[in-house]
Amino acid sequence: RSCLMYLSDKRRSAAAKAAAQHPTCREPNAASFALYVAEEARRGNESRFAPFLRLLPGLEDYRKFHPAFLGTRLGLSPEAEDRWAIWQGPGNFTETMRSCYDSYLKLVPDTAKAPTFEETFLAFVQVLSRRFSTTTLIPFADGMNMGALAETNVDYFVARDDHGRRSHVCLEASADIAAGAELLIDYEFSDRAPLEFFEVFGFTMGVAHHAPAPPNMCQGLSASEFAQPAADASPVLWNYWRFAREHCG
């Protein structure tokens, strides 16, 4: 068993703590925690978490595959666009983070020292893609890889102190692990349908590993409706198209 200290609220700025009360910053959307991560990232090497934050994927990594950085519409019917583009459609994640960030910025004494929206949005994607149920594993998840449930060899749990507050995140072997073997954790594939998982994490497992897809999941994503992108199109658009071909034929 291995345990790491849980990130505490004590180092959050007063502005981040106050902004956490704004409706768009509250759990379970993780925007409040993204403010905290962005503040620590802005501190650079002065942050006690700097060695761990450097383990996280950066902006250029995400621009190669993650739906949050599509930067354009998918070219589908308006109904399909709004139903599936959770980062660009009505009431989307980007708008949620923007609203939370604007509330935060009004509370910051010196905005020049605050993380930019772009830095905060990157932290938001980092948080969401390392969030399982209501626990965010930053950077704990980056020390492991994902595996199908039958392949996993470690589980995690959150330990609490005498007052019931989260104090540590612990990793525990769920099977015998040979020296040098890769640690595999369940990304909770079976709790999410393929497209829901894809738009948060940027990839999927095979259909059999996910929760059943809603009947209309592939509406607007069939080969006849979602044309193959141009060769020079965004890598993220190509990733959407590959998802559609794998899961929608």
Protein backbone atom coordinates (compact mmCIF):
# COMPACT_ATOMS: atom_id res chain seq x y z
CA ARG A 1 0.00 0.00 0.00
CA SER A 2 1.20 3.52 -0.81
CA CYS A 3 -0.42 6.77 0.31
CA LEU A 4 -0.03 10.39 -0.73
CA MET A 5 -1.24 13.43 1.16
CA TYR A 6 -4.52 14.78 -0.15
CA LEU A 7 -4.35 18.34 -1.47
CA SER A 8 -5.63 20.63 1.25
CA ASP A 9 -7.57 23.89 0.97
CA LYS A 10 -5.00 25.63 3.14
CA ARG A 11 -2.87 26.82 0.21
CA ARG A 12 -5.72 28.12 -1.92
CA SER A 13 -5.84 31.88 -2.24
CA ALA A 14 -8.64 33.77 -0.53
CA ALA A 15 -10.08 34.54 -3.98
CA ALA A 16 -10.15 30.86 -4.96
CA LYS A 17 -11.82 29.93 -1.68
CA ALA A 18 -14.45 32.64 -2.09
CA ALA A 19 -15.07 31.79 -5.76
CA ALA A 20 -15.72 28.18 -4.75
CA GLN A 21 -19.10 29.34 -3.44
CA HIS A 22 -20.19 30.51 -6.89
CA PRO A 23 -22.70 28.07 -8.47
CA THR A 24 -20.51 27.29 -11.49
CA CYS A 25 -17.48 26.64 -9.29
CA ARG A 26 -19.14 24.18 -6.94
CA GLU A 27 -18.78 20.43 -7.07
CA PRO A 28 -19.26 18.16 -8.88
CA ASN A 29 -17.96 20.03 -11.94
CA ALA A 30 -14.41 20.41 -10.55
CA ALA A 31 -14.01 24.03 -11.67
CA SER A 32 -13.10 25.15 -8.15
CA PHE A 33 -10.32 22.58 -7.91
CA ALA A 34 -9.07 23.68 -11.35
CA LEU A 35 -8.56 27.19 -9.94
CA TYR A 36 -6.37 25.69 -7.23
CA VAL A 37 -4.30 23.66 -9.68
CA ALA A 38 -3.90 26.69 -11.95
CA GLU A 39 -2.72 28.83 -9.03
CA GLU A 40 -0.14 26.24 -8.05
CA ALA A 41 1.02 25.86 -11.67
CA ARG A 42 1.43 29.65 -11.93
CA ARG A 43 3.74 29.51 -8.90
CA GLY A 44 6.18 27.42 -10.94
CA ASN A 45 9.06 25.97 -8.99
CA GLU A 46 7.93 27.84 -5.88
CA SER A 47 4.97 25.48 -5.61
CA ARG A 48 5.52 22.49 -3.35
CA PHE A 49 3.63 20.50 -5.98
CA ALA A 50 5.84 21.56 -8.91
CA PRO A 51 7.49 18.12 -9.39
CA PHE A 52 4.06 16.50 -9.55
CA LEU A 53 2.40 19.11 -11.75
CA ARG A 54 5.18 18.60 -14.31
CA LEU A 55 3.92 15.03 -14.73
CA LEU A 56 0.63 16.25 -16.18
CA PRO A 57 0.02 16.52 -19.93
CA GLY A 58 0.49 20.04 -21.25
CA LEU A 59 -1.38 22.17 -23.75
CA GLU A 60 0.43 20.78 -26.78
CA ASP A 61 -0.30 17.22 -25.64
CA TYR A 62 -4.01 17.89 -25.36
CA ARG A 63 -4.18 19.68 -28.71
CA LYS A 64 -3.26 16.40 -30.35
CA PHE A 65 -6.34 14.50 -29.20
CA HIS A 66 -8.60 16.01 -26.52
CA PRO A 67 -12.14 17.20 -27.44
CA ALA A 68 -11.76 20.29 -25.21
CA PHE A 69 -9.28 21.65 -27.75
CA LEU A 70 -11.21 20.97 -30.94
CA GLY A 71 -11.48 24.71 -31.60
CA THR A 72 -14.20 24.31 -34.22
CA ARG A 73 -17.51 22.62 -34.83
CA LEU A 74 -17.61 19.01 -35.98
CA GLY A 75 -19.45 19.75 -39.21
CA LEU A 76 -22.50 17.70 -38.19
CA SER A 77 -26.17 18.59 -38.14
CA PRO A 78 -27.02 21.33 -35.58
CA GLU A 79 -28.87 18.80 -33.41
CA ALA A 80 -25.92 16.41 -33.35
CA GLU A 81 -23.47 19.23 -32.65
CA ASP A 82 -25.43 20.44 -29.64
CA ARG A 83 -26.03 16.95 -28.27
CA TRP A 84 -22.48 15.69 -28.41
CA ALA A 85 -20.10 18.64 -28.30
CA ILE A 86 -20.06 19.07 -24.52
CA TRP A 87 -17.14 21.49 -24.84
CA GLN A 88 -18.77 23.64 -27.53
CA GLY A 89 -22.56 23.11 -27.29
CA PRO A 90 -25.12 25.01 -25.17
CA GLY A 91 -24.33 25.05 -21.44
CA ASN A 92 -20.98 23.44 -22.18
CA PHE A 93 -17.98 22.80 -19.93
CA THR A 94 -16.07 25.73 -21.43
CA GLU A 95 -18.82 28.17 -20.48
CA THR A 96 -18.94 26.66 -16.99
CA MET A 97 -15.23 27.21 -16.44
CA ARG A 98 -15.39 30.71 -17.94
CA SER A 99 -18.20 31.73 -15.59
CA CYS A 100 -16.32 30.33 -12.60
CA TYR A 101 -13.10 32.04 -13.68
CA ASP A 102 -14.82 35.42 -14.16
CA SER A 103 -16.21 35.18 -10.61
CA TYR A 104 -12.75 34.34 -9.32
CA LEU A 105 -11.05 37.19 -11.20
CA LYS A 106 -13.35 39.76 -9.57
CA LEU A 107 -12.03 38.65 -6.19
CA VAL A 108 -8.31 38.67 -7.02
CA PRO A 109 -6.43 41.68 -5.55
CA ASP A 110 -3.79 41.68 -8.31
CA THR A 111 -5.07 40.17 -11.55
CA ALA A 112 -1.59 40.35 -13.10
CA LYS A 113 -0.49 37.59 -10.73
CA ALA A 114 -3.56 35.42 -11.30
CA PRO A 115 -3.52 32.49 -13.74
CA THR A 116 -4.99 33.36 -17.12
CA PHE A 117 -8.20 31.78 -18.34
CA GLU A 118 -6.18 29.66 -20.76
CA GLU A 119 -4.03 28.34 -17.89
CA THR A 120 -7.13 27.70 -15.79
CA PHE A 121 -8.91 25.95 -18.64
CA LEU A 122 -5.92 23.65 -19.11
CA ALA A 123 -6.05 22.86 -15.39
CA PHE A 124 -9.79 22.18 -15.73
CA VAL A 125 -9.16 19.57 -18.43
CA GLN A 126 -6.34 18.05 -16.37
CA VAL A 127 -8.68 17.80 -13.37
CA LEU A 128 -11.65 16.33 -15.25
CA SER A 129 -9.51 13.71 -16.98
CA ARG A 130 -8.14 12.57 -13.62
CA ARG A 131 -11.42 12.54 -11.78
CA PHE A 132 -13.07 9.28 -10.78
CA SER A 133 -16.46 9.47 -9.06
CA THR A 134 -15.88 12.47 -6.78
CA THR A 135 -12.14 11.96 -6.27
CA THR A 136 -9.56 13.82 -8.33
CA LEU A 137 -6.26 11.95 -8.61
CA ILE A 138 -3.76 14.67 -9.46
CA PRO A 139 -1.06 13.64 -10.08
CA PHE A 140 -1.65 10.19 -8.60
CA ALA A 141 -3.28 8.86 -11.77
CA ASP A 142 -0.20 9.70 -13.83
CA GLY A 143 1.84 7.10 -12.00
CA MET A 144 -0.39 4.37 -13.41
CA ASN A 145 -1.94 3.35 -16.70
CA MET A 146 -5.51 2.40 -17.41
CA GLY A 147 -6.62 -1.15 -17.97
CA ALA A 148 -9.77 -3.13 -18.52
CA LEU A 149 -11.33 -4.21 -15.25
CA ALA A 150 -10.03 -7.79 -15.60
CA GLU A 151 -6.49 -6.48 -16.13
CA THR A 152 -6.23 -4.04 -13.24
CA ASN A 153 -3.86 -4.81 -10.40
CA VAL A 154 -4.29 -1.77 -8.13
CA ASP A 155 -7.20 0.05 -6.50
CA TYR A 156 -7.31 3.41 -4.76
CA PHE A 157 -9.25 4.68 -1.78
CA VAL A 158 -9.45 7.94 0.12
CA ALA A 159 -8.39 7.86 3.78
CA ARG A 160 -9.92 10.32 6.22
CA ASP A 161 -8.66 11.85 9.44
CA ASP A 162 -10.37 11.73 12.84
CA HIS A 163 -12.67 14.57 11.78
CA GLY A 164 -13.86 12.82 8.64
CA ARG A 165 -11.86 15.05 6.32
CA ARG A 166 -9.97 13.62 3.35
CA SER A 167 -6.32 13.31 4.37
CA HIS A 168 -4.63 10.83 2.02
CA VAL A 169 -5.22 8.97 -1.22
CA CYS A 170 -3.96 5.41 -0.98
CA LEU A 171 -3.06 2.88 -3.64
CA GLU A 172 -3.46 -0.77 -2.79
CA ALA A 173 -2.54 -3.89 -4.75
CA SER A 174 -5.57 -5.89 -5.85
CA ALA A 175 -3.48 -8.72 -7.33
CA ASP A 176 0.07 -10.03 -7.15
CA ILE A 177 2.40 -7.59 -8.92
CA ALA A 178 5.79 -8.68 -10.18
CA ALA A 179 8.74 -6.34 -9.82
CA GLY A 180 8.81 -3.92 -12.75
CA ALA A 181 5.23 -4.70 -13.82
CA GLU A 182 3.01 -1.87 -15.02
CA LEU A 183 0.42 -0.62 -12.53
CA LEU A 184 -3.07 -0.67 -14.04
CA ILE A 185 -6.08 1.10 -12.55
CA ASP A 186 -9.74 1.06 -13.51
CA TYR A 187 -10.77 4.35 -15.17
CA GLU A 188 -14.40 3.41 -14.46
CA PHE A 189 -15.11 2.59 -18.10
CA SER A 190 -18.09 0.48 -17.12
CA ASP A 191 -19.80 3.49 -15.50
CA ARG A 192 -19.83 5.63 -18.65
CA ALA A 193 -21.10 5.18 -22.18
CA PRO A 194 -18.40 5.45 -24.89
CA LEU A 195 -19.05 9.03 -26.04
CA GLU A 196 -19.43 10.37 -22.52
CA PHE A 197 -16.08 8.83 -21.64
CA PHE A 198 -14.44 10.01 -24.85
CA GLU A 199 -15.39 13.65 -24.40
CA VAL A 200 -13.88 13.74 -20.91
CA PHE A 201 -10.78 11.57 -21.42
CA GLY A 202 -10.18 11.79 -25.16
CA PHE A 203 -10.11 8.04 -25.79
CA THR A 204 -12.18 4.91 -25.19
CA MET A 205 -11.86 1.20 -24.70
CA GLY A 206 -13.80 -1.32 -26.76
CA VAL A 207 -17.59 -1.20 -26.62
CA ALA A 208 -17.76 -4.21 -24.29
CA HIS A 209 -15.87 -2.33 -21.56
CA HIS A 210 -18.26 0.64 -21.37
CA ALA A 211 -21.73 1.19 -20.02
CA PRO A 212 -24.47 0.61 -22.64
CA ALA A 213 -24.70 3.50 -25.07
CA PRO A 214 -27.99 5.44 -25.28
CA PRO A 215 -30.05 4.52 -28.36
CA ASN A 216 -29.31 7.84 -30.08
CA MET A 217 -25.56 7.92 -29.39
CA CYS A 218 -24.62 7.45 -33.02
CA GLN A 219 -27.27 9.76 -34.44
CA GLY A 220 -25.33 12.20 -36.59
CA LEU A 221 -22.10 10.22 -36.33
CA SER A 222 -22.61 7.56 -39.00
CA ALA A 223 -20.20 7.41 -41.93
CA SER A 224 -22.76 9.07 -44.20
CA GLU A 225 -23.30 11.96 -41.75
CA PHE A 226 -19.77 12.54 -40.44
CA ALA A 227 -17.43 12.91 -43.40
CA GLN A 228 -13.76 12.01 -43.18
CA PRO A 229 -11.79 15.16 -42.28
CA ALA A 230 -9.34 16.78 -44.64
CA ALA A 231 -5.75 15.60 -44.32
CA ASP A 232 -4.70 18.88 -42.69
CA ALA A 233 -7.66 19.05 -40.30
CA SER A 234 -7.24 19.33 -36.54
CA PRO A 235 -5.86 16.18 -34.87
CA VAL A 236 -8.78 16.44 -32.45
CA LEU A 237 -11.29 16.40 -35.31
CA TRP A 238 -9.57 13.28 -36.64
CA ASN A 239 -9.83 11.74 -33.17
CA TYR A 240 -13.59 12.41 -33.13
CA TRP A 241 -13.90 10.82 -36.57
CA ARG A 242 -11.93 7.72 -35.50
CA PHE A 243 -14.19 7.40 -32.46
CA ALA A 244 -17.26 7.59 -34.69
CA ARG A 245 -15.93 4.90 -37.02
CA GLU A 246 -15.05 2.58 -34.13
CA HIS A 247 -18.32 2.95 -32.26
CA CYS A 248 -20.84 3.95 -34.94
CA GLY A 249 -19.65 2.11 -38.03
